[in-house]
N, C-alpha and C. Protein backbone atom coordinates (compact mmCIF):
# COMPACT_ATOMS: atom_id res chain seq x y z
N MET A 1 -45.21 -86.62 -101.27
CA MET A 1 -45.22 -88.09 -101.15
C MET A 1 -46.67 -88.58 -101.11
N ALA A 2 -46.97 -89.62 -101.89
CA ALA A 2 -48.32 -90.16 -101.95
C ALA A 2 -48.63 -90.96 -100.69
N PRO A 3 -49.90 -91.00 -100.30
CA PRO A 3 -50.27 -91.81 -99.12
C PRO A 3 -50.08 -93.29 -99.43
N TYR A 4 -50.00 -94.08 -98.37
CA TYR A 4 -49.81 -95.52 -98.56
C TYR A 4 -50.94 -96.09 -99.41
N ILE A 5 -52.17 -95.72 -99.09
CA ILE A 5 -53.32 -96.12 -99.90
C ILE A 5 -54.26 -94.93 -99.97
N THR A 6 -55.09 -94.91 -100.99
CA THR A 6 -56.05 -93.82 -101.12
C THR A 6 -57.27 -94.11 -100.24
N ALA A 7 -58.03 -93.08 -99.95
CA ALA A 7 -59.23 -93.24 -99.14
C ALA A 7 -60.23 -94.15 -99.85
N ASP A 8 -60.33 -94.00 -101.19
CA ASP A 8 -61.27 -94.83 -101.95
C ASP A 8 -60.87 -96.31 -101.89
N LEU A 9 -59.56 -96.57 -102.00
CA LEU A 9 -59.10 -97.95 -101.94
C LEU A 9 -59.35 -98.54 -100.56
N ALA A 10 -59.12 -97.76 -99.52
CA ALA A 10 -59.37 -98.24 -98.16
C ALA A 10 -60.84 -98.58 -97.97
N LYS A 11 -61.70 -97.69 -98.48
CA LYS A 11 -63.14 -97.92 -98.34
C LYS A 11 -63.57 -99.17 -99.08
N THR A 12 -63.06 -99.34 -100.30
CA THR A 12 -63.41 -100.52 -101.10
C THR A 12 -62.94 -101.80 -100.41
N SER A 13 -61.72 -101.77 -99.86
CA SER A 13 -61.19 -102.95 -99.19
C SER A 13 -62.00 -103.31 -97.96
N LEU A 14 -62.41 -102.31 -97.20
CA LEU A 14 -63.25 -102.56 -96.04
C LEU A 14 -64.59 -103.16 -96.44
N GLU A 15 -65.15 -102.66 -97.54
CA GLU A 15 -66.44 -103.19 -98.02
C GLU A 15 -66.29 -104.66 -98.42
N ARG A 16 -65.15 -105.01 -99.03
CA ARG A 16 -64.93 -106.40 -99.41
C ARG A 16 -64.80 -107.30 -98.19
N ILE A 17 -64.13 -106.80 -97.16
CA ILE A 17 -64.01 -107.56 -95.92
C ILE A 17 -65.39 -107.81 -95.31
N GLU A 18 -66.23 -106.78 -95.31
CA GLU A 18 -67.57 -106.92 -94.76
C GLU A 18 -68.40 -107.89 -95.59
N GLU A 19 -68.23 -107.87 -96.91
CA GLU A 19 -68.96 -108.80 -97.78
C GLU A 19 -68.56 -110.24 -97.47
N LYS A 20 -67.26 -110.45 -97.23
CA LYS A 20 -66.79 -111.79 -96.90
C LYS A 20 -67.34 -112.25 -95.57
N ARG A 21 -67.36 -111.32 -94.59
CA ARG A 21 -67.91 -111.68 -93.28
C ARG A 21 -69.39 -112.01 -93.40
N ALA A 22 -70.11 -111.20 -94.19
CA ALA A 22 -71.55 -111.40 -94.34
C ALA A 22 -71.85 -112.71 -95.04
N SER A 23 -70.93 -113.18 -95.87
CA SER A 23 -71.15 -114.43 -96.60
C SER A 23 -70.94 -115.66 -95.74
N GLY A 24 -70.39 -115.45 -94.53
CA GLY A 24 -70.17 -116.58 -93.63
C GLY A 24 -68.81 -117.22 -93.78
N GLY A 25 -67.93 -116.61 -94.59
CA GLY A 25 -66.59 -117.16 -94.75
C GLY A 25 -66.66 -118.56 -95.33
N ASN A 26 -65.97 -119.51 -94.73
CA ASN A 26 -66.06 -120.90 -95.11
C ASN A 26 -67.47 -121.38 -94.79
N ASN A 27 -68.16 -121.90 -95.79
CA ASN A 27 -69.58 -122.20 -95.63
C ASN A 27 -69.86 -123.28 -94.60
N LEU A 28 -68.85 -124.10 -94.25
CA LEU A 28 -69.05 -125.16 -93.28
C LEU A 28 -68.90 -124.66 -91.84
N TYR A 29 -68.24 -123.53 -91.67
CA TYR A 29 -67.93 -123.05 -90.33
C TYR A 29 -68.34 -121.58 -90.18
N LEU A 30 -68.85 -121.27 -89.01
CA LEU A 30 -69.14 -119.88 -88.65
C LEU A 30 -68.19 -119.51 -87.53
N ASN A 31 -67.26 -118.62 -87.81
CA ASN A 31 -66.33 -118.12 -86.81
C ASN A 31 -66.75 -116.72 -86.40
N PRO A 32 -66.48 -116.33 -85.16
CA PRO A 32 -66.84 -114.98 -84.73
C PRO A 32 -66.31 -113.90 -85.67
N GLY A 33 -65.13 -114.12 -86.24
CA GLY A 33 -64.57 -113.14 -87.16
C GLY A 33 -65.34 -113.00 -88.45
N ASP A 34 -66.22 -113.98 -88.76
CA ASP A 34 -67.03 -113.91 -89.97
C ASP A 34 -68.28 -113.04 -89.79
N ILE A 35 -68.63 -112.71 -88.54
CA ILE A 35 -69.85 -111.96 -88.28
C ILE A 35 -69.69 -110.53 -88.79
N SER A 36 -70.61 -110.10 -89.61
CA SER A 36 -70.56 -108.76 -90.19
C SER A 36 -70.94 -107.72 -89.14
N GLU A 37 -70.14 -106.67 -89.04
CA GLU A 37 -70.47 -105.59 -88.11
C GLU A 37 -71.74 -104.88 -88.55
N LYS A 38 -71.96 -104.79 -89.85
CA LYS A 38 -73.13 -104.09 -90.38
C LYS A 38 -74.40 -104.92 -90.27
N GLU A 39 -74.31 -106.19 -90.69
CA GLU A 39 -75.50 -107.04 -90.77
C GLU A 39 -75.68 -107.97 -89.59
N GLY A 40 -74.58 -108.27 -88.88
CA GLY A 40 -74.66 -109.27 -87.83
C GLY A 40 -74.89 -110.64 -88.45
N ALA A 41 -75.48 -111.55 -87.70
CA ALA A 41 -75.83 -112.87 -88.21
C ALA A 41 -77.01 -113.39 -87.40
N ARG A 42 -77.84 -114.17 -88.05
CA ARG A 42 -78.99 -114.78 -87.37
C ARG A 42 -78.89 -116.29 -87.58
N VAL A 43 -78.84 -117.04 -86.46
CA VAL A 43 -78.69 -118.48 -86.52
C VAL A 43 -79.66 -119.13 -85.56
N THR A 44 -79.83 -120.45 -85.72
CA THR A 44 -80.63 -121.22 -84.77
C THR A 44 -79.97 -122.57 -84.58
N PRO A 45 -79.91 -123.09 -83.35
CA PRO A 45 -79.25 -124.38 -83.09
C PRO A 45 -79.94 -125.53 -83.81
N VAL A 46 -79.15 -126.48 -84.28
CA VAL A 46 -79.69 -127.69 -84.91
C VAL A 46 -78.88 -128.89 -84.42
N GLY A 47 -79.47 -130.05 -84.53
CA GLY A 47 -78.74 -131.28 -84.25
C GLY A 47 -78.75 -131.76 -82.82
N GLY A 48 -79.08 -130.89 -81.86
CA GLY A 48 -79.17 -131.30 -80.47
C GLY A 48 -77.84 -131.69 -79.85
N ASP A 49 -76.74 -131.21 -80.41
CA ASP A 49 -75.41 -131.58 -79.91
C ASP A 49 -74.60 -130.32 -79.65
N SER A 50 -73.80 -130.34 -78.60
CA SER A 50 -72.92 -129.21 -78.32
C SER A 50 -71.70 -129.74 -77.57
N VAL A 51 -70.66 -128.91 -77.50
CA VAL A 51 -69.44 -129.33 -76.84
C VAL A 51 -68.83 -128.13 -76.12
N THR A 52 -68.12 -128.40 -75.05
CA THR A 52 -67.35 -127.35 -74.38
C THR A 52 -66.01 -127.91 -73.98
N GLY A 53 -65.01 -127.06 -73.97
CA GLY A 53 -63.67 -127.45 -73.60
C GLY A 53 -62.84 -126.20 -73.39
N TYR A 54 -61.53 -126.34 -73.50
CA TYR A 54 -60.63 -125.21 -73.24
C TYR A 54 -59.58 -125.12 -74.34
N HIS A 55 -59.35 -123.89 -74.79
CA HIS A 55 -58.31 -123.60 -75.78
C HIS A 55 -57.11 -122.94 -75.09
N VAL A 56 -55.94 -123.35 -75.48
CA VAL A 56 -54.71 -122.69 -75.04
C VAL A 56 -53.81 -122.58 -76.27
N TRP A 57 -53.34 -121.36 -76.56
CA TRP A 57 -52.46 -121.15 -77.70
C TRP A 57 -51.01 -121.12 -77.24
N VAL A 58 -50.20 -121.97 -77.86
CA VAL A 58 -48.76 -122.01 -77.59
C VAL A 58 -48.03 -121.91 -78.92
N SER A 59 -47.24 -120.85 -79.08
CA SER A 59 -46.48 -120.64 -80.33
C SER A 59 -47.40 -120.75 -81.55
N LYS A 60 -48.55 -120.09 -81.47
CA LYS A 60 -49.52 -120.01 -82.56
C LYS A 60 -50.17 -121.36 -82.88
N LYS A 61 -50.03 -122.34 -82.00
CA LYS A 61 -50.73 -123.61 -82.17
C LYS A 61 -51.76 -123.76 -81.08
N LYS A 62 -52.98 -124.15 -81.50
CA LYS A 62 -54.08 -124.29 -80.55
C LYS A 62 -54.06 -125.67 -79.91
N LEU A 63 -53.99 -125.70 -78.59
CA LEU A 63 -54.11 -126.94 -77.84
C LEU A 63 -55.51 -127.02 -77.26
N VAL A 64 -56.13 -128.18 -77.34
CA VAL A 64 -57.51 -128.36 -76.89
C VAL A 64 -57.55 -129.32 -75.71
N PHE A 65 -58.29 -128.92 -74.69
CA PHE A 65 -58.43 -129.74 -73.49
C PHE A 65 -59.92 -129.92 -73.18
N SER A 66 -60.28 -131.10 -72.68
CA SER A 66 -61.68 -131.34 -72.32
C SER A 66 -62.03 -130.73 -70.97
N GLU A 67 -61.02 -130.58 -70.09
CA GLU A 67 -61.21 -129.95 -68.79
C GLU A 67 -60.19 -128.84 -68.63
N GLU A 68 -60.46 -127.91 -67.73
CA GLU A 68 -59.55 -126.78 -67.55
C GLU A 68 -58.17 -127.31 -67.14
N PRO A 69 -57.15 -127.00 -67.94
CA PRO A 69 -55.84 -127.57 -67.67
C PRO A 69 -55.05 -126.80 -66.61
N THR A 70 -54.17 -127.50 -65.95
CA THR A 70 -53.21 -126.84 -65.07
C THR A 70 -52.02 -126.40 -65.92
N ARG A 71 -51.12 -125.63 -65.33
CA ARG A 71 -49.92 -125.21 -66.06
C ARG A 71 -49.07 -126.43 -66.41
N GLU A 72 -49.10 -127.43 -65.55
CA GLU A 72 -48.35 -128.65 -65.81
C GLU A 72 -48.96 -129.40 -66.99
N ASP A 73 -50.30 -129.41 -67.06
CA ASP A 73 -50.99 -130.05 -68.19
C ASP A 73 -50.59 -129.39 -69.51
N ILE A 74 -50.54 -128.06 -69.49
CA ILE A 74 -50.20 -127.31 -70.71
C ILE A 74 -48.78 -127.62 -71.14
N ALA A 75 -47.86 -127.61 -70.19
CA ALA A 75 -46.46 -127.88 -70.50
C ALA A 75 -46.29 -129.29 -71.06
N GLN A 76 -46.99 -130.27 -70.47
CA GLN A 76 -46.89 -131.65 -70.93
C GLN A 76 -47.48 -131.80 -72.33
N ARG A 77 -48.65 -131.20 -72.58
CA ARG A 77 -49.28 -131.31 -73.89
C ARG A 77 -48.43 -130.61 -74.96
N ALA A 78 -47.86 -129.46 -74.61
CA ALA A 78 -47.00 -128.76 -75.56
C ALA A 78 -45.78 -129.61 -75.91
N ASP A 79 -45.22 -130.26 -74.91
CA ASP A 79 -44.06 -131.12 -75.14
C ASP A 79 -44.44 -132.31 -76.01
N ASP A 80 -45.59 -132.93 -75.71
CA ASP A 80 -46.07 -134.07 -76.50
C ASP A 80 -46.35 -133.67 -77.94
N SER A 81 -46.80 -132.40 -78.13
CA SER A 81 -47.16 -131.91 -79.46
C SER A 81 -45.99 -131.31 -80.20
N GLY A 82 -44.85 -131.16 -79.52
CA GLY A 82 -43.68 -130.61 -80.16
C GLY A 82 -43.77 -129.12 -80.41
N VAL A 83 -44.47 -128.39 -79.54
CA VAL A 83 -44.58 -126.94 -79.69
C VAL A 83 -44.02 -126.26 -78.44
N GLY A 84 -43.68 -125.01 -78.61
CA GLY A 84 -43.14 -124.26 -77.48
C GLY A 84 -42.35 -123.08 -77.99
N PRO A 85 -41.71 -122.35 -77.11
CA PRO A 85 -41.62 -122.63 -75.67
C PRO A 85 -42.89 -122.23 -74.92
N VAL A 86 -43.09 -122.85 -73.77
CA VAL A 86 -44.20 -122.50 -72.89
C VAL A 86 -43.71 -121.45 -71.89
N THR A 87 -44.44 -120.36 -71.80
CA THR A 87 -44.02 -119.26 -70.91
C THR A 87 -44.62 -119.37 -69.52
N GLY A 88 -45.70 -120.12 -69.37
CA GLY A 88 -46.40 -120.19 -68.10
C GLY A 88 -47.45 -119.11 -67.95
N LYS A 89 -47.58 -118.26 -68.97
CA LYS A 89 -48.56 -117.17 -68.94
C LYS A 89 -49.62 -117.32 -70.03
N GLU A 90 -49.68 -118.49 -70.66
CA GLU A 90 -50.64 -118.71 -71.74
C GLU A 90 -52.08 -118.55 -71.23
N LYS A 91 -52.90 -117.93 -72.04
CA LYS A 91 -54.29 -117.69 -71.67
C LYS A 91 -55.11 -118.96 -71.87
N ILE A 92 -55.91 -119.29 -70.87
CA ILE A 92 -56.80 -120.45 -70.94
C ILE A 92 -58.21 -119.93 -71.15
N ALA A 93 -58.85 -120.35 -72.24
CA ALA A 93 -60.19 -119.84 -72.57
C ALA A 93 -61.16 -121.00 -72.78
N GLN A 94 -62.27 -120.94 -72.08
CA GLN A 94 -63.31 -121.94 -72.30
C GLN A 94 -64.01 -121.64 -73.62
N PHE A 95 -64.29 -122.67 -74.39
CA PHE A 95 -65.00 -122.49 -75.65
C PHE A 95 -66.25 -123.37 -75.68
N PHE A 96 -67.18 -123.01 -76.56
CA PHE A 96 -68.38 -123.79 -76.80
C PHE A 96 -68.52 -123.98 -78.31
N GLY A 97 -69.05 -125.11 -78.71
CA GLY A 97 -69.27 -125.37 -80.12
C GLY A 97 -70.58 -126.10 -80.34
N LEU A 98 -71.27 -125.78 -81.43
CA LEU A 98 -72.53 -126.42 -81.76
C LEU A 98 -72.84 -126.20 -83.23
N PHE A 99 -73.75 -127.00 -83.74
CA PHE A 99 -74.20 -126.83 -85.11
C PHE A 99 -75.35 -125.83 -85.14
N VAL A 100 -75.33 -124.96 -86.15
CA VAL A 100 -76.40 -123.98 -86.30
C VAL A 100 -76.83 -123.91 -87.75
N TRP A 101 -78.05 -123.45 -87.96
CA TRP A 101 -78.51 -123.08 -89.29
C TRP A 101 -78.32 -121.57 -89.40
N ASN A 102 -77.58 -121.15 -90.42
CA ASN A 102 -77.33 -119.73 -90.65
C ASN A 102 -78.33 -119.24 -91.71
N TYR A 103 -79.20 -118.33 -91.30
CA TYR A 103 -80.21 -117.83 -92.23
C TYR A 103 -79.57 -117.03 -93.37
N GLY A 104 -78.43 -116.40 -93.10
CA GLY A 104 -77.78 -115.59 -94.13
C GLY A 104 -77.18 -116.42 -95.24
N THR A 105 -76.50 -117.52 -94.88
CA THR A 105 -75.87 -118.38 -95.88
C THR A 105 -76.80 -119.52 -96.29
N GLU A 106 -77.90 -119.67 -95.56
CA GLU A 106 -78.85 -120.76 -95.79
C GLU A 106 -78.12 -122.11 -95.79
N SER A 107 -77.38 -122.34 -94.72
CA SER A 107 -76.62 -123.58 -94.61
C SER A 107 -76.42 -123.94 -93.14
N VAL A 108 -76.15 -125.23 -92.91
CA VAL A 108 -75.77 -125.70 -91.58
C VAL A 108 -74.28 -125.44 -91.41
N GLN A 109 -73.90 -124.88 -90.27
CA GLN A 109 -72.50 -124.58 -90.00
C GLN A 109 -72.14 -125.02 -88.57
N TYR A 110 -70.86 -125.25 -88.36
CA TYR A 110 -70.36 -125.51 -87.01
C TYR A 110 -69.89 -124.17 -86.46
N PHE A 111 -70.46 -123.75 -85.32
CA PHE A 111 -70.16 -122.46 -84.71
C PHE A 111 -69.41 -122.71 -83.42
N GLU A 112 -68.16 -122.25 -83.36
CA GLU A 112 -67.34 -122.40 -82.17
C GLU A 112 -66.84 -121.04 -81.72
N PHE A 113 -66.92 -120.77 -80.41
CA PHE A 113 -66.53 -119.46 -79.90
C PHE A 113 -66.00 -119.58 -78.49
N GLY A 114 -65.03 -118.70 -78.18
CA GLY A 114 -64.47 -118.67 -76.84
C GLY A 114 -64.31 -117.25 -76.32
N GLN A 115 -64.76 -116.27 -77.10
CA GLN A 115 -64.67 -114.87 -76.68
C GLN A 115 -65.62 -114.63 -75.50
N ALA A 116 -65.12 -113.94 -74.49
CA ALA A 116 -65.91 -113.71 -73.28
C ALA A 116 -67.21 -112.99 -73.58
N SER A 117 -67.19 -112.07 -74.56
CA SER A 117 -68.40 -111.31 -74.86
C SER A 117 -69.44 -112.14 -75.60
N LEU A 118 -69.08 -113.36 -76.03
CA LEU A 118 -70.05 -114.31 -76.57
C LEU A 118 -70.39 -115.37 -75.54
N VAL A 119 -69.39 -115.82 -74.80
CA VAL A 119 -69.60 -116.89 -73.82
C VAL A 119 -70.57 -116.46 -72.73
N GLN A 120 -70.39 -115.25 -72.18
CA GLN A 120 -71.24 -114.83 -71.08
C GLN A 120 -72.72 -114.74 -71.47
N PRO A 121 -73.08 -114.04 -72.56
CA PRO A 121 -74.51 -114.01 -72.91
C PRO A 121 -75.04 -115.37 -73.32
N PHE A 122 -74.19 -116.21 -73.91
CA PHE A 122 -74.61 -117.56 -74.26
C PHE A 122 -75.00 -118.35 -73.01
N LEU A 123 -74.15 -118.29 -71.98
CA LEU A 123 -74.44 -119.01 -70.74
C LEU A 123 -75.67 -118.44 -70.05
N GLU A 124 -75.86 -117.12 -70.11
CA GLU A 124 -77.03 -116.50 -69.50
C GLU A 124 -78.31 -116.98 -70.20
N LEU A 125 -78.25 -117.09 -71.53
CA LEU A 125 -79.41 -117.58 -72.27
C LEU A 125 -79.71 -119.03 -71.91
N MET A 126 -78.67 -119.87 -71.86
CA MET A 126 -78.87 -121.28 -71.59
C MET A 126 -79.28 -121.53 -70.14
N ALA A 127 -78.98 -120.58 -69.26
CA ALA A 127 -79.39 -120.70 -67.86
C ALA A 127 -80.86 -120.34 -67.68
N ASP A 128 -81.44 -119.64 -68.67
CA ASP A 128 -82.84 -119.31 -68.62
C ASP A 128 -83.66 -120.59 -68.76
N GLU A 129 -84.59 -120.82 -67.87
CA GLU A 129 -85.33 -122.09 -67.84
C GLU A 129 -86.04 -122.37 -69.15
N GLU A 130 -86.69 -121.36 -69.71
CA GLU A 130 -87.47 -121.57 -70.94
C GLU A 130 -86.57 -121.79 -72.14
N ILE A 131 -85.56 -120.93 -72.29
CA ILE A 131 -84.67 -121.04 -73.45
C ILE A 131 -83.79 -122.29 -73.33
N GLY A 132 -83.24 -122.52 -72.15
CA GLY A 132 -82.34 -123.65 -71.97
C GLY A 132 -83.01 -125.00 -72.17
N SER A 133 -84.31 -125.08 -71.89
CA SER A 133 -85.00 -126.36 -72.06
C SER A 133 -85.34 -126.65 -73.51
N SER A 134 -85.36 -125.61 -74.35
CA SER A 134 -85.69 -125.81 -75.76
C SER A 134 -85.02 -124.74 -76.62
N PRO A 135 -83.68 -124.76 -76.69
CA PRO A 135 -82.97 -123.71 -77.43
C PRO A 135 -83.28 -123.66 -78.91
N GLU A 136 -83.70 -124.80 -79.48
CA GLU A 136 -83.97 -124.83 -80.91
C GLU A 136 -85.28 -124.14 -81.27
N ASP A 137 -86.04 -123.69 -80.26
CA ASP A 137 -87.24 -122.90 -80.55
C ASP A 137 -86.92 -121.43 -80.75
N TYR A 138 -85.63 -121.07 -80.59
CA TYR A 138 -85.23 -119.66 -80.66
C TYR A 138 -84.18 -119.45 -81.73
N ASP A 139 -84.14 -118.24 -82.23
CA ASP A 139 -83.05 -117.80 -83.08
C ASP A 139 -82.11 -116.95 -82.24
N TRP A 140 -80.84 -116.96 -82.62
CA TRP A 140 -79.85 -116.13 -81.95
C TRP A 140 -79.38 -115.05 -82.90
N LYS A 141 -79.53 -113.82 -82.50
CA LYS A 141 -79.04 -112.69 -83.28
C LYS A 141 -77.65 -112.33 -82.77
N LEU A 142 -76.65 -112.55 -83.61
CA LEU A 142 -75.26 -112.29 -83.25
C LEU A 142 -74.85 -110.92 -83.77
N SER A 143 -74.19 -110.15 -82.93
CA SER A 143 -73.75 -108.82 -83.34
C SER A 143 -72.32 -108.59 -82.87
N VAL A 144 -71.65 -107.61 -83.47
CA VAL A 144 -70.28 -107.30 -83.10
C VAL A 144 -70.02 -105.81 -83.29
N ASN A 145 -69.23 -105.25 -82.40
CA ASN A 145 -68.77 -103.86 -82.51
C ASN A 145 -67.24 -103.92 -82.55
N ARG A 146 -66.66 -103.53 -83.66
CA ARG A 146 -65.21 -103.58 -83.82
C ARG A 146 -64.59 -102.19 -83.68
N GLY A 147 -65.28 -101.28 -83.01
CA GLY A 147 -64.80 -99.91 -82.88
C GLY A 147 -63.71 -99.71 -81.85
N GLY A 148 -63.51 -100.66 -80.95
CA GLY A 148 -62.50 -100.51 -79.90
C GLY A 148 -61.24 -101.29 -80.19
N ASP A 149 -60.45 -101.50 -79.16
CA ASP A 149 -59.21 -102.25 -79.32
C ASP A 149 -59.48 -103.72 -79.64
N PHE A 150 -60.60 -104.24 -79.12
CA PHE A 150 -60.96 -105.63 -79.36
C PHE A 150 -62.44 -105.69 -79.75
N PRO A 151 -62.82 -106.65 -80.61
CA PRO A 151 -64.23 -106.79 -80.97
C PRO A 151 -65.08 -107.11 -79.75
N ARG A 152 -66.27 -106.53 -79.69
CA ARG A 152 -67.23 -106.81 -78.64
C ARG A 152 -68.45 -107.46 -79.27
N TYR A 153 -68.71 -108.71 -78.86
CA TYR A 153 -69.80 -109.48 -79.44
C TYR A 153 -70.99 -109.51 -78.50
N ASN A 154 -72.12 -109.95 -79.05
CA ASN A 154 -73.30 -110.14 -78.21
C ASN A 154 -74.23 -111.15 -78.88
N ILE A 155 -75.04 -111.80 -78.07
CA ILE A 155 -76.06 -112.74 -78.54
C ILE A 155 -77.39 -112.35 -77.92
N GLN A 156 -78.42 -112.29 -78.74
CA GLN A 156 -79.78 -112.07 -78.26
C GLN A 156 -80.66 -113.21 -78.76
N ALA A 157 -81.52 -113.73 -77.89
CA ALA A 157 -82.47 -114.77 -78.28
C ALA A 157 -83.79 -114.13 -78.67
N VAL A 158 -84.32 -114.53 -79.82
CA VAL A 158 -85.59 -114.01 -80.32
C VAL A 158 -86.44 -115.18 -80.79
N PRO A 159 -87.76 -115.00 -80.88
CA PRO A 159 -88.62 -116.09 -81.38
C PRO A 159 -88.11 -116.62 -82.72
N GLY A 160 -88.07 -117.94 -82.85
CA GLY A 160 -87.44 -118.55 -84.02
C GLY A 160 -88.24 -118.46 -85.29
N TRP A 161 -87.57 -118.04 -86.36
CA TRP A 161 -88.20 -118.06 -87.69
C TRP A 161 -88.49 -119.50 -88.11
N ARG A 162 -87.75 -120.45 -87.53
CA ARG A 162 -87.93 -121.84 -87.94
C ARG A 162 -89.32 -122.37 -87.60
N ARG A 163 -90.07 -121.61 -86.80
CA ARG A 163 -91.44 -122.02 -86.51
C ARG A 163 -92.33 -121.87 -87.74
N LYS A 164 -91.88 -121.04 -88.68
CA LYS A 164 -92.63 -120.87 -89.93
C LYS A 164 -92.40 -122.10 -90.81
N PRO A 165 -93.46 -122.62 -91.42
CA PRO A 165 -93.35 -123.86 -92.20
C PRO A 165 -92.25 -123.84 -93.26
N GLU A 166 -92.08 -122.70 -93.95
CA GLU A 166 -91.09 -122.67 -95.03
C GLU A 166 -89.67 -122.82 -94.50
N PHE A 167 -89.39 -122.23 -93.34
CA PHE A 167 -88.06 -122.39 -92.75
C PHE A 167 -87.91 -123.76 -92.10
N GLN A 168 -88.97 -124.23 -91.48
CA GLN A 168 -88.92 -125.52 -90.79
C GLN A 168 -88.51 -126.63 -91.75
N ALA A 169 -89.13 -126.65 -92.92
CA ALA A 169 -88.83 -127.69 -93.90
C ALA A 169 -87.42 -127.52 -94.46
N LYS A 170 -87.02 -126.30 -94.74
CA LYS A 170 -85.70 -126.04 -95.32
C LYS A 170 -84.59 -126.44 -94.35
N ILE A 171 -84.76 -126.08 -93.08
CA ILE A 171 -83.75 -126.40 -92.07
C ILE A 171 -83.66 -127.91 -91.84
N GLN A 172 -84.81 -128.57 -91.78
CA GLN A 172 -84.81 -130.01 -91.56
C GLN A 172 -84.16 -130.74 -92.73
N ASP A 173 -84.47 -130.31 -93.95
CA ASP A 173 -83.87 -130.94 -95.13
C ASP A 173 -82.35 -130.76 -95.13
N ALA A 174 -81.89 -129.55 -94.75
CA ALA A 174 -80.44 -129.29 -94.72
C ALA A 174 -79.76 -130.16 -93.69
N TRP A 175 -80.38 -130.30 -92.51
CA TRP A 175 -79.77 -131.12 -91.47
C TRP A 175 -79.77 -132.59 -91.87
N ASP A 176 -80.83 -133.05 -92.47
CA ASP A 176 -80.91 -134.45 -92.92
C ASP A 176 -79.79 -134.74 -93.93
N THR A 177 -79.50 -133.77 -94.79
CA THR A 177 -78.43 -133.94 -95.78
C THR A 177 -77.08 -134.02 -95.09
N VAL A 178 -76.85 -133.14 -94.11
CA VAL A 178 -75.59 -133.16 -93.35
C VAL A 178 -75.43 -134.48 -92.61
N ALA A 179 -76.50 -134.93 -91.97
CA ALA A 179 -76.45 -136.18 -91.21
C ALA A 179 -76.15 -137.37 -92.12
N ALA A 180 -76.75 -137.38 -93.31
CA ALA A 180 -76.54 -138.48 -94.25
C ALA A 180 -75.09 -138.51 -94.74
N LYS A 181 -74.52 -137.35 -95.00
CA LYS A 181 -73.13 -137.28 -95.45
C LYS A 181 -72.16 -137.68 -94.35
N GLY A 182 -72.57 -137.46 -93.10
CA GLY A 182 -71.68 -137.78 -91.99
C GLY A 182 -71.50 -139.26 -91.74
N GLY A 183 -72.40 -140.06 -92.27
CA GLY A 183 -72.28 -141.50 -92.10
C GLY A 183 -72.63 -141.95 -90.70
N ALA A 184 -72.10 -143.10 -90.31
CA ALA A 184 -72.46 -143.72 -89.04
C ALA A 184 -71.96 -142.94 -87.83
N ASN A 185 -70.85 -142.23 -87.95
CA ASN A 185 -70.24 -141.57 -86.80
C ASN A 185 -70.62 -140.10 -86.64
N GLY A 186 -70.98 -139.47 -87.70
CA GLY A 186 -71.16 -138.01 -87.63
C GLY A 186 -72.53 -137.60 -88.08
N PRO A 187 -72.79 -136.30 -87.95
CA PRO A 187 -71.95 -135.26 -87.35
C PRO A 187 -71.90 -135.36 -85.82
N ASN A 188 -70.79 -134.89 -85.26
CA ASN A 188 -70.58 -135.05 -83.82
C ASN A 188 -69.63 -133.95 -83.32
N CYS A 189 -70.16 -133.05 -82.50
CA CYS A 189 -69.35 -131.95 -81.97
C CYS A 189 -68.25 -132.43 -81.04
N GLN A 190 -68.48 -133.54 -80.34
CA GLN A 190 -67.56 -133.96 -79.29
C GLN A 190 -66.16 -134.27 -79.80
N VAL A 191 -66.04 -134.62 -81.08
CA VAL A 191 -64.73 -135.07 -81.57
C VAL A 191 -63.72 -133.93 -81.66
N VAL A 192 -64.16 -132.66 -81.53
CA VAL A 192 -63.18 -131.57 -81.55
C VAL A 192 -62.22 -131.67 -80.36
N LEU A 193 -62.66 -132.34 -79.31
CA LEU A 193 -61.80 -132.50 -78.13
C LEU A 193 -60.65 -133.47 -78.40
N MET A 194 -60.76 -134.22 -79.50
CA MET A 194 -59.72 -135.18 -79.87
C MET A 194 -59.14 -134.86 -81.24
N GLY A 195 -59.31 -133.61 -81.66
CA GLY A 195 -58.76 -133.19 -82.95
C GLY A 195 -59.48 -133.78 -84.13
N GLY A 196 -60.76 -134.14 -83.95
CA GLY A 196 -61.50 -134.81 -85.02
C GLY A 196 -62.27 -133.87 -85.92
N ASP A 197 -62.96 -134.45 -86.87
CA ASP A 197 -63.78 -133.72 -87.84
C ASP A 197 -65.24 -133.82 -87.42
N VAL A 198 -65.85 -132.67 -87.10
CA VAL A 198 -67.22 -132.68 -86.58
C VAL A 198 -68.23 -133.19 -87.60
N TRP A 199 -67.91 -133.08 -88.88
CA TRP A 199 -68.89 -133.44 -89.91
C TRP A 199 -68.96 -134.94 -90.13
N SER A 200 -67.84 -135.62 -89.99
CA SER A 200 -67.83 -137.07 -90.18
C SER A 200 -67.78 -137.82 -88.86
N GLY A 201 -67.51 -137.11 -87.77
CA GLY A 201 -67.42 -137.75 -86.46
C GLY A 201 -66.18 -138.59 -86.28
N THR A 202 -65.20 -138.41 -87.15
CA THR A 202 -63.98 -139.21 -87.08
C THR A 202 -62.93 -138.49 -86.23
N VAL A 203 -62.06 -139.27 -85.60
CA VAL A 203 -61.01 -138.70 -84.75
C VAL A 203 -59.66 -139.21 -85.21
N LYS A 204 -58.63 -138.47 -84.79
CA LYS A 204 -57.27 -138.88 -85.10
C LYS A 204 -56.83 -139.96 -84.12
N ALA A 205 -55.65 -140.50 -84.36
CA ALA A 205 -55.13 -141.53 -83.47
C ALA A 205 -54.95 -140.98 -82.06
N CYS A 206 -54.60 -139.69 -81.97
CA CYS A 206 -54.51 -139.04 -80.67
C CYS A 206 -54.97 -137.61 -80.84
N GLY A 207 -55.22 -136.91 -79.73
CA GLY A 207 -55.77 -135.57 -79.80
C GLY A 207 -54.75 -134.48 -79.87
N PHE A 208 -53.50 -134.79 -80.16
CA PHE A 208 -52.45 -133.76 -80.12
C PHE A 208 -52.33 -133.06 -81.47
């Protein structure tokens, strides 16, 4: 009996997955799953805006809260959103989101993450007096190890390449273009709390 797939096919498929991760996936968004295990990612904050809130998944639908919800809050929001059933054991995860310049894709992206192995080092960096007072002076080297049952991420702050004139101009031009396309309302990270579009700064009639 032949194997389900050949070793060569498995290797090729894995290489394609890594290429997709290295490319940044959707060019507008950087998700933790897009980070290449081999190459990692190098980004730097732009725009001076960030957001934090809480994610709760109910029946494969993500519910977003601006403050840590109670079990009653989750049940009410799920009912209002028409999703369920609610088990009472749903995981509540704090997330952070901000705009970054990705050196690998050479583009501005919205980076949102709630994995504990990213949140903890991120908070430690922002708690540092020097880094927290001027995060845009630093680059963040993102890495991931997918060798275990769950991916393990990390963030390291290093002196920013954007201090070099060639990167400084390129990053500023890219952000200016994003800001111009966003119009009067955007870009704006805060609107994710209301189910909005961070690039245009627009929100839905309600956040459900």
